[in-house]
């Protein structure tokens, strides 16, 4: 539960830094409704997810918008794929 809450806080901070208030509000609403989705995925993605977070932090720190976008898209896709593989199993 702590990992899932920390993950949500991390993503909220990224959206805050991006200045996308609408996205941050929507993500907060979605997070509260789909926490059940992230909990089992967090157990499987664990370490790899935090590695991806570090890559995102590095891209943001270096102001590399293109790289940050690539990392975030891949991160989201990896999470989606993990969830679907879990459903199929």
C-alpha atoms as a PDB file:
ATOM      1  CA  UNK A   1       0.000   0.000   0.000  1.00  0.00           C
ATOM      2  CA  UNK A   2       2.848   2.377   0.798  1.00  0.00           C
ATOM      3  CA  UNK A   3       4.493   1.713  -2.581  1.00  0.00           C
ATOM      4  CA  UNK A   4       1.218   2.416  -4.380  1.00  0.00           C
ATOM      5  CA  UNK A   5       0.668   5.633  -2.408  1.00  0.00           C
ATOM      6  CA  UNK A   6       4.256   6.737  -3.033  1.00  0.00           C
ATOM      7  CA  UNK A   7       3.857   5.993  -6.738  1.00  0.00           C
ATOM      8  CA  UNK A   8       0.688   8.110  -6.864  1.00  0.00           C
ATOM      9  CA  UNK A   9       2.485  10.966  -5.086  1.00  0.00           C
ATOM     10  CA  UNK A  10       5.397  10.731  -7.522  1.00  0.00           C
ATOM     11  CA  UNK A  11       3.118  10.910 -10.553  1.00  0.00           C
ATOM     12  CA  UNK A  12       1.166  13.794  -9.010  1.00  0.00           C
ATOM     13  CA  UNK A  13       4.422  15.694  -8.529  1.00  0.00           C
ATOM     14  CA  UNK A  14       5.426  15.104 -12.162  1.00  0.00           C
ATOM     15  CA  UNK A  15       2.081  16.517 -13.312  1.00  0.00           C
ATOM     16  CA  UNK A  16       2.457  19.461 -10.948  1.00  0.00           C
ATOM     17  CA  UNK A  17       5.930  20.202 -12.335  1.00  0.00           C
ATOM     18  CA  UNK A  18       4.521  19.982 -15.845  1.00  0.00           C
ATOM     19  CA  UNK A  19       2.030  22.676 -14.902  1.00  0.00           C
ATOM     20  CA  UNK A  20      -0.864  20.620 -16.169  1.00  0.00           C
ATOM     21  CA  UNK A  21      -3.486  21.412 -13.530  1.00  0.00           C
ATOM     22  CA  UNK A  22      -6.321  19.702 -15.416  1.00  0.00           C
ATOM     23  CA  UNK A  23      -4.353  16.480 -15.830  1.00  0.00           C
ATOM     24  CA  UNK A  24      -3.320  16.552 -12.169  1.00  0.00           C
ATOM     25  CA  UNK A  25      -6.945  16.945 -11.038  1.00  0.00           C
ATOM     26  CA  UNK A  26      -8.145  14.164 -13.343  1.00  0.00           C
ATOM     27  CA  UNK A  27      -5.326  11.858 -12.288  1.00  0.00           C
ATOM     28  CA  UNK A  28      -6.187  12.438  -8.630  1.00  0.00           C
ATOM     29  CA  UNK A  29      -9.796  11.466  -9.279  1.00  0.00           C
ATOM     30  CA  UNK A  30      -8.776   8.416 -11.284  1.00  0.00           C
ATOM     31  CA  UNK A  31      -6.219   7.348  -8.670  1.00  0.00           C
ATOM     32  CA  UNK A  32      -8.846   7.271  -5.949  1.00  0.00           C
ATOM     33  CA  UNK A  33     -11.119   5.104  -8.107  1.00  0.00           C
ATOM     34  CA  UNK A  34      -8.588   2.623  -9.494  1.00  0.00           C
ATOM     35  CA  UNK A  35      -6.186   2.075  -6.621  1.00  0.00           C
ATOM     36  CA  UNK A  36      -7.187  -1.624  -6.841  1.00  0.00           C
ATOM     37  CA  UNK A  37      -5.662  -1.693 -10.352  1.00  0.00           C
ATOM     38  CA  UNK A  38      -2.258  -0.444  -9.250  1.00  0.00           C
ATOM     39  CA  UNK A  39      -1.810  -2.552  -6.123  1.00  0.00           C
ATOM     40  CA  UNK A  40      -1.205  -5.957  -7.798  1.00  0.00           C
ATOM     41  CA  UNK A  41       0.738  -4.340 -10.642  1.00  0.00           C
ATOM     42  CA  UNK A  42       3.021  -2.550  -8.163  1.00  0.00           C
ATOM     43  CA  UNK A  43       4.009  -5.901  -6.673  1.00  0.00           C
ATOM     44  CA  UNK A  44       5.069  -7.190 -10.086  1.00  0.00           C
ATOM     45  CA  UNK A  45       6.594  -3.997 -11.480  1.00  0.00           C
ATOM     46  CA  UNK A  46       8.286  -2.927  -8.246  1.00  0.00           C
ATOM     47  CA  UNK A  47      11.966  -2.392  -8.960  1.00  0.00           C
ATOM     48  CA  UNK A  48      11.579  -1.802 -12.692  1.00  0.00           C
ATOM     49  CA  UNK A  49       8.994   0.882 -12.082  1.00  0.00           C
ATOM     50  CA  UNK A  50      11.363   2.782  -9.771  1.00  0.00           C
ATOM     51  CA  UNK A  51      14.155   2.460 -12.367  1.00  0.00           C
ATOM     52  CA  UNK A  52      11.794   4.068 -14.895  1.00  0.00           C
ATOM     53  CA  UNK A  53      10.958   6.785 -12.362  1.00  0.00           C
ATOM     54  CA  UNK A  54      14.672   7.567 -11.988  1.00  0.00           C
ATOM     55  CA  UNK A  55      14.997   7.825 -15.780  1.00  0.00           C
ATOM     56  CA  UNK A  56      12.056  10.230 -15.814  1.00  0.00           C
ATOM     57  CA  UNK A  57      13.602  12.337 -13.041  1.00  0.00           C
ATOM     58  CA  UNK A  58      16.877  12.465 -15.001  1.00  0.00           C
ATOM     59  CA  UNK A  59      15.085  13.590 -18.163  1.00  0.00           C
ATOM     60  CA  UNK A  60      13.115  16.258 -16.306  1.00  0.00           C
ATOM     61  CA  UNK A  61      16.234  17.453 -14.460  1.00  0.00           C
ATOM     62  CA  UNK A  62      18.096  17.857 -17.738  1.00  0.00           C
ATOM     63  CA  UNK A  63      15.052  19.574 -19.264  1.00  0.00           C
ATOM     64  CA  UNK A  64      14.907  16.928 -22.000  1.00  0.00           C
ATOM     65  CA  UNK A  65      11.229  17.063 -22.876  1.00  0.00           C
ATOM     66  CA  UNK A  66      11.536  14.518 -25.675  1.00  0.00           C
ATOM     67  CA  UNK A  67      13.242  11.973 -23.408  1.00  0.00           C
ATOM     68  CA  UNK A  68      10.794  12.594 -20.546  1.00  0.00           C
ATOM     69  CA  UNK A  69       7.911  11.976 -22.932  1.00  0.00           C
ATOM     70  CA  UNK A  70       9.492   8.743 -24.201  1.00  0.00           C
ATOM     71  CA  UNK A  71      10.170   7.480 -20.687  1.00  0.00           C
ATOM     72  CA  UNK A  72       6.662   8.304 -19.466  1.00  0.00           C
ATOM     73  CA  UNK A  73       4.998   6.663 -22.450  1.00  0.00           C
ATOM     74  CA  UNK A  74       7.101   3.520 -22.038  1.00  0.00           C
ATOM     75  CA  UNK A  75       6.455   3.498 -18.279  1.00  0.00           C
ATOM     76  CA  UNK A  76       2.703   3.734 -18.801  1.00  0.00           C
ATOM     77  CA  UNK A  77       2.788   1.024 -21.457  1.00  0.00           C
ATOM     78  CA  UNK A  78       4.835  -1.324 -19.253  1.00  0.00           C
ATOM     79  CA  UNK A  79       2.275  -0.893 -16.474  1.00  0.00           C
ATOM     80  CA  UNK A  80      -0.610  -1.564 -18.861  1.00  0.00           C
ATOM     81  CA  UNK A  81       1.096  -4.659 -20.277  1.00  0.00           C
ATOM     82  CA  UNK A  82       1.799  -6.007 -16.798  1.00  0.00           C
ATOM     83  CA  UNK A  83      -1.834  -5.584 -15.810  1.00  0.00           C
ATOM     84  CA  UNK A  84      -3.087  -7.370 -18.927  1.00  0.00           C
ATOM     85  CA  UNK A  85      -0.602 -10.235 -18.551  1.00  0.00           C
ATOM     86  CA  UNK A  86      -1.797 -10.625 -14.997  1.00  0.00           C
ATOM     87  CA  UNK A  87      -5.437 -10.759 -16.126  1.00  0.00           C
ATOM     88  CA  UNK A  88      -4.618 -13.404 -18.742  1.00  0.00           C
ATOM     89  CA  UNK A  89      -2.806 -15.640 -16.236  1.00  0.00           C
END
